[in-house]
Amino acid sequence: MAFVADNSVIVAWLTESQANAYTRRLFTRAQRETVHVPALWPFEFVNTLCVMQRRNIMRSHQADATLAQAQRLGIVVDAEPIKQAMLLAVARRARLLAYDAAYIELAERRGLPLATRDRAMRLAAQRVGIALV
């Protein structure tokens, strides 16, 4: 079965210092199942790489290599535009920022479970009836 993965999970797949048993299990699952992300994910992912570089967690060549690895994962970036009113409604209902609500909205719209390391997003998903991986 496919699932929606948030940025915290995908970064952990590609950055050993961020990985744990949960993200390793999800990475194994991602090898045989389709992983979906909202349209904002590429920006969020690249921003994470920029921040990691600024904090000297990784060097520029490592960020380049990590980006190349991410592009080979076959992650499906949702191409369907989210209606702003719908995103606002989900953000209110889930009590999340719009960025995080985009993952909830995608999981809800596609009928998929959500994979996240973020505690607030896990609680929000449970509040609105989204299954967790």
C-alpha atoms as a PDB file:
ATOM      1  CA  MET A   1       0.000   0.000   0.000  1.00  0.00           C
ATOM      2  CA  ALA A   2       1.205   3.510  -0.757  1.00  0.00           C
ATOM      3  CA  PHE A   3       1.687   6.155   1.931  1.00  0.00           C
ATOM      4  CA  VAL A   4       2.350   9.858   2.420  1.00  0.00           C
ATOM      5  CA  ALA A   5       5.734  10.650   3.982  1.00  0.00           C
ATOM      6  CA  ASP A   6       6.618  13.984   5.478  1.00  0.00           C
ATOM      7  CA  ASN A   7       9.984  15.673   5.135  1.00  0.00           C
ATOM      8  CA  SER A   8      11.258  14.456   8.521  1.00  0.00           C
ATOM      9  CA  VAL A   9      10.956  10.862   7.339  1.00  0.00           C
ATOM     10  CA  ILE A  10      12.542  11.411   3.937  1.00  0.00           C
ATOM     11  CA  VAL A  11      15.462  13.373   5.383  1.00  0.00           C
ATOM     12  CA  ALA A  12      16.072  10.493   7.790  1.00  0.00           C
ATOM     13  CA  TRP A  13      16.177   8.051   4.871  1.00  0.00           C
ATOM     14  CA  LEU A  14      19.045   9.999   3.368  1.00  0.00           C
ATOM     15  CA  THR A  15      20.876  11.292   6.449  1.00  0.00           C
ATOM     16  CA  GLU A  16      22.097   8.586   8.804  1.00  0.00           C
ATOM     17  CA  SER A  17      22.323  10.991  11.748  1.00  0.00           C
ATOM     18  CA  GLN A  18      18.559  11.528  11.490  1.00  0.00           C
ATOM     19  CA  ALA A  19      17.608   7.859  11.056  1.00  0.00           C
ATOM     20  CA  ASN A  20      16.021   5.607  13.646  1.00  0.00           C
ATOM     21  CA  ALA A  21      14.318   2.192  13.650  1.00  0.00           C
ATOM     22  CA  TYR A  22      11.011   3.721  12.510  1.00  0.00           C
ATOM     23  CA  THR A  23      12.511   5.524   9.499  1.00  0.00           C
ATOM     24  CA  ARG A  24      14.631   2.505   8.538  1.00  0.00           C
ATOM     25  CA  ARG A  25      11.503   0.333   8.525  1.00  0.00           C
ATOM     26  CA  LEU A  26       9.703   2.905   6.386  1.00  0.00           C
ATOM     27  CA  PHE A  27      12.620   3.072   3.958  1.00  0.00           C
ATOM     28  CA  THR A  28      12.386  -0.679   3.451  1.00  0.00           C
ATOM     29  CA  ARG A  29       8.670  -0.304   2.848  1.00  0.00           C
ATOM     30  CA  ALA A  30       9.293   2.567   0.383  1.00  0.00           C
ATOM     31  CA  GLN A  31      11.339   0.175  -1.776  1.00  0.00           C
ATOM     32  CA  ARG A  32       8.145  -1.702  -2.664  1.00  0.00           C
ATOM     33  CA  GLU A  33       5.408   0.899  -2.146  1.00  0.00           C
ATOM     34  CA  THR A  34       4.727   4.317  -3.640  1.00  0.00           C
ATOM     35  CA  VAL A  35       5.586   7.319  -1.489  1.00  0.00           C
ATOM     36  CA  HIS A  36       3.532  10.479  -1.984  1.00  0.00           C
ATOM     37  CA  VAL A  37       4.321  14.041  -0.915  1.00  0.00           C
ATOM     38  CA  PRO A  38       2.513  17.363  -1.405  1.00  0.00           C
ATOM     39  CA  ALA A  39       3.732  19.864  -4.000  1.00  0.00           C
ATOM     40  CA  LEU A  40       5.511  21.909  -1.324  1.00  0.00           C
ATOM     41  CA  TRP A  41       7.848  19.039  -0.397  1.00  0.00           C
ATOM     42  CA  PRO A  42      10.674  19.807  -2.893  1.00  0.00           C
ATOM     43  CA  PHE A  43      10.990  23.302  -1.398  1.00  0.00           C
ATOM     44  CA  GLU A  44      10.920  21.959   2.150  1.00  0.00           C
ATOM     45  CA  PHE A  45      13.506  19.290   1.341  1.00  0.00           C
ATOM     46  CA  VAL A  46      15.918  21.718  -0.327  1.00  0.00           C
ATOM     47  CA  ASN A  47      15.447  24.149   2.553  1.00  0.00           C
ATOM     48  CA  THR A  48      16.427  21.385   4.983  1.00  0.00           C
ATOM     49  CA  LEU A  49      19.595  20.747   2.993  1.00  0.00           C
ATOM     50  CA  CYS A  50      20.402  24.487   3.052  1.00  0.00           C
ATOM     51  CA  VAL A  51      19.909  24.641   6.824  1.00  0.00           C
ATOM     52  CA  MET A  52      22.044  21.551   7.363  1.00  0.00           C
ATOM     53  CA  GLN A  53      24.816  23.158   5.332  1.00  0.00           C
ATOM     54  CA  ARG A  54      24.597  26.432   7.268  1.00  0.00           C
ATOM     55  CA  ARG A  55      24.793  24.527  10.539  1.00  0.00           C
ATOM     56  CA  ASN A  56      27.807  22.584   9.266  1.00  0.00           C
ATOM     57  CA  ILE A  57      25.943  19.290   9.534  1.00  0.00           C
ATOM     58  CA  MET A  58      26.779  18.579   5.904  1.00  0.00           C
ATOM     59  CA  ARG A  59      29.001  20.088   3.250  1.00  0.00           C
ATOM     60  CA  SER A  60      27.821  21.310  -0.130  1.00  0.00           C
ATOM     61  CA  HIS A  61      28.960  18.173  -1.969  1.00  0.00           C
ATOM     62  CA  GLN A  62      27.043  16.062   0.570  1.00  0.00           C
ATOM     63  CA  ALA A  63      23.921  18.165   0.052  1.00  0.00           C
ATOM     64  CA  ASP A  64      24.278  17.729  -3.710  1.00  0.00           C
ATOM     65  CA  ALA A  65      24.635  13.960  -3.288  1.00  0.00           C
ATOM     66  CA  THR A  66      21.646  13.830  -0.916  1.00  0.00           C
ATOM     67  CA  LEU A  67      19.510  15.744  -3.410  1.00  0.00           C
ATOM     68  CA  ALA A  68      20.529  13.335  -6.174  1.00  0.00           C
ATOM     69  CA  GLN A  69      19.629  10.376  -3.942  1.00  0.00           C
ATOM     70  CA  ALA A  70      16.226  11.893  -3.181  1.00  0.00           C
ATOM     71  CA  GLN A  71      15.523  12.324  -6.868  1.00  0.00           C
ATOM     72  CA  ARG A  72      16.208   8.615  -7.431  1.00  0.00           C
ATOM     73  CA  LEU A  73      13.720   7.489  -4.763  1.00  0.00           C
ATOM     74  CA  GLY A  74      10.752   7.770  -7.111  1.00  0.00           C
ATOM     75  CA  ILE A  75       8.743   9.908  -4.706  1.00  0.00           C
ATOM     76  CA  VAL A  76       5.471  11.040  -6.266  1.00  0.00           C
ATOM     77  CA  VAL A  77       5.056  14.786  -5.866  1.00  0.00           C
ATOM     78  CA  ASP A  78       1.340  15.581  -5.947  1.00  0.00           C
ATOM     79  CA  ALA A  79       0.561  17.681  -9.007  1.00  0.00           C
ATOM     80  CA  GLU A  80      -3.030  18.478  -8.096  1.00  0.00           C
ATOM     81  CA  PRO A  81      -3.243  22.046  -6.808  1.00  0.00           C
ATOM     82  CA  ILE A  82      -4.664  22.368  -3.319  1.00  0.00           C
ATOM     83  CA  LYS A  83      -7.474  24.835  -3.027  1.00  0.00           C
ATOM     84  CA  GLN A  84      -6.410  27.441  -0.490  1.00  0.00           C
ATOM     85  CA  ALA A  85      -9.770  27.313   1.296  1.00  0.00           C
ATOM     86  CA  MET A  86      -9.409  23.540   1.683  1.00  0.00           C
ATOM     87  CA  LEU A  87      -5.882  23.885   3.066  1.00  0.00           C
ATOM     88  CA  LEU A  88      -7.035  26.520   5.535  1.00  0.00           C
ATOM     89  CA  ALA A  89      -9.903  24.271   6.643  1.00  0.00           C
ATOM     90  CA  VAL A  90      -7.577  21.301   7.169  1.00  0.00           C
ATOM     91  CA  ALA A  91      -5.049  23.470   9.029  1.00  0.00           C
ATOM     92  CA  ARG A  92      -7.791  24.699  11.354  1.00  0.00           C
ATOM     93  CA  ARG A  93      -9.276  21.255  11.898  1.00  0.00           C
ATOM     94  CA  ALA A  94      -5.896  19.618  12.473  1.00  0.00           C
ATOM     95  CA  ARG A  95      -4.542  22.617  14.422  1.00  0.00           C
ATOM     96  CA  LEU A  96      -1.384  22.722  12.302  1.00  0.00           C
ATOM     97  CA  LEU A  97       0.551  25.184  10.216  1.00  0.00           C
ATOM     98  CA  ALA A  98      -0.469  25.163   6.562  1.00  0.00           C
ATOM     99  CA  TYR A  99       2.822  23.477   5.588  1.00  0.00           C
ATOM    100  CA  ASP A 100       2.135  20.490   7.822  1.00  0.00           C
ATOM    101  CA  ALA A 101      -1.564  20.509   6.984  1.00  0.00           C
ATOM    102  CA  ALA A 102      -0.619  19.942   3.320  1.00  0.00           C
ATOM    103  CA  TYR A 103       0.582  16.431   4.257  1.00  0.00           C
ATOM    104  CA  ILE A 104      -2.635  15.735   6.175  1.00  0.00           C
ATOM    105  CA  GLU A 105      -4.719  17.058   3.272  1.00  0.00           C
ATOM    106  CA  LEU A 106      -2.894  14.824   0.784  1.00  0.00           C
ATOM    107  CA  ALA A 107      -3.272  11.738   2.974  1.00  0.00           C
ATOM    108  CA  GLU A 108      -6.942  12.505   3.433  1.00  0.00           C
ATOM    109  CA  ARG A 109      -7.582  13.193  -0.266  1.00  0.00           C
ATOM    110  CA  ARG A 110      -5.748  10.068  -1.433  1.00  0.00           C
ATOM    111  CA  GLY A 111      -7.004   7.859   1.403  1.00  0.00           C
ATOM    112  CA  LEU A 112      -3.437   7.009   2.417  1.00  0.00           C
ATOM    113  CA  PRO A 113      -1.740   6.597   5.784  1.00  0.00           C
ATOM    114  CA  LEU A 114       0.811   9.170   6.926  1.00  0.00           C
ATOM    115  CA  ALA A 115       4.418   8.595   7.965  1.00  0.00           C
ATOM    116  CA  THR A 116       5.898  11.321  10.148  1.00  0.00           C
ATOM    117  CA  ARG A 117       8.362  11.719  12.993  1.00  0.00           C
ATOM    118  CA  ASP A 118       6.695  14.951  14.061  1.00  0.00           C
ATOM    119  CA  ARG A 119       4.720  14.482  17.277  1.00  0.00           C
ATOM    120  CA  ALA A 120       2.299  17.362  16.582  1.00  0.00           C
ATOM    121  CA  MET A 121       1.549  16.022  13.124  1.00  0.00           C
ATOM    122  CA  ARG A 122       1.003  12.503  14.485  1.00  0.00           C
ATOM    123  CA  LEU A 123      -1.474  13.833  17.037  1.00  0.00           C
ATOM    124  CA  ALA A 124      -3.209  15.954  14.395  1.00  0.00           C
ATOM    125  CA  ALA A 125      -3.517  12.978  12.055  1.00  0.00           C
ATOM    126  CA  GLN A 126      -5.119  10.945  14.823  1.00  0.00           C
ATOM    127  CA  ARG A 127      -7.478  13.840  15.607  1.00  0.00           C
ATOM    128  CA  VAL A 128      -8.748  13.996  12.042  1.00  0.00           C
ATOM    129  CA  GLY A 129      -8.855  10.237  11.462  1.00  0.00           C
ATOM    130  CA  ILE A 130      -5.764   9.736   9.273  1.00  0.00           C
ATOM    131  CA  ALA A 131      -4.080   6.378   9.744  1.00  0.00           C
ATOM    132  CA  LEU A 132      -0.411   6.440  10.701  1.00  0.00           C
ATOM    133  CA  VAL A 133       2.289   4.197   9.313  1.00  0.00           C
END
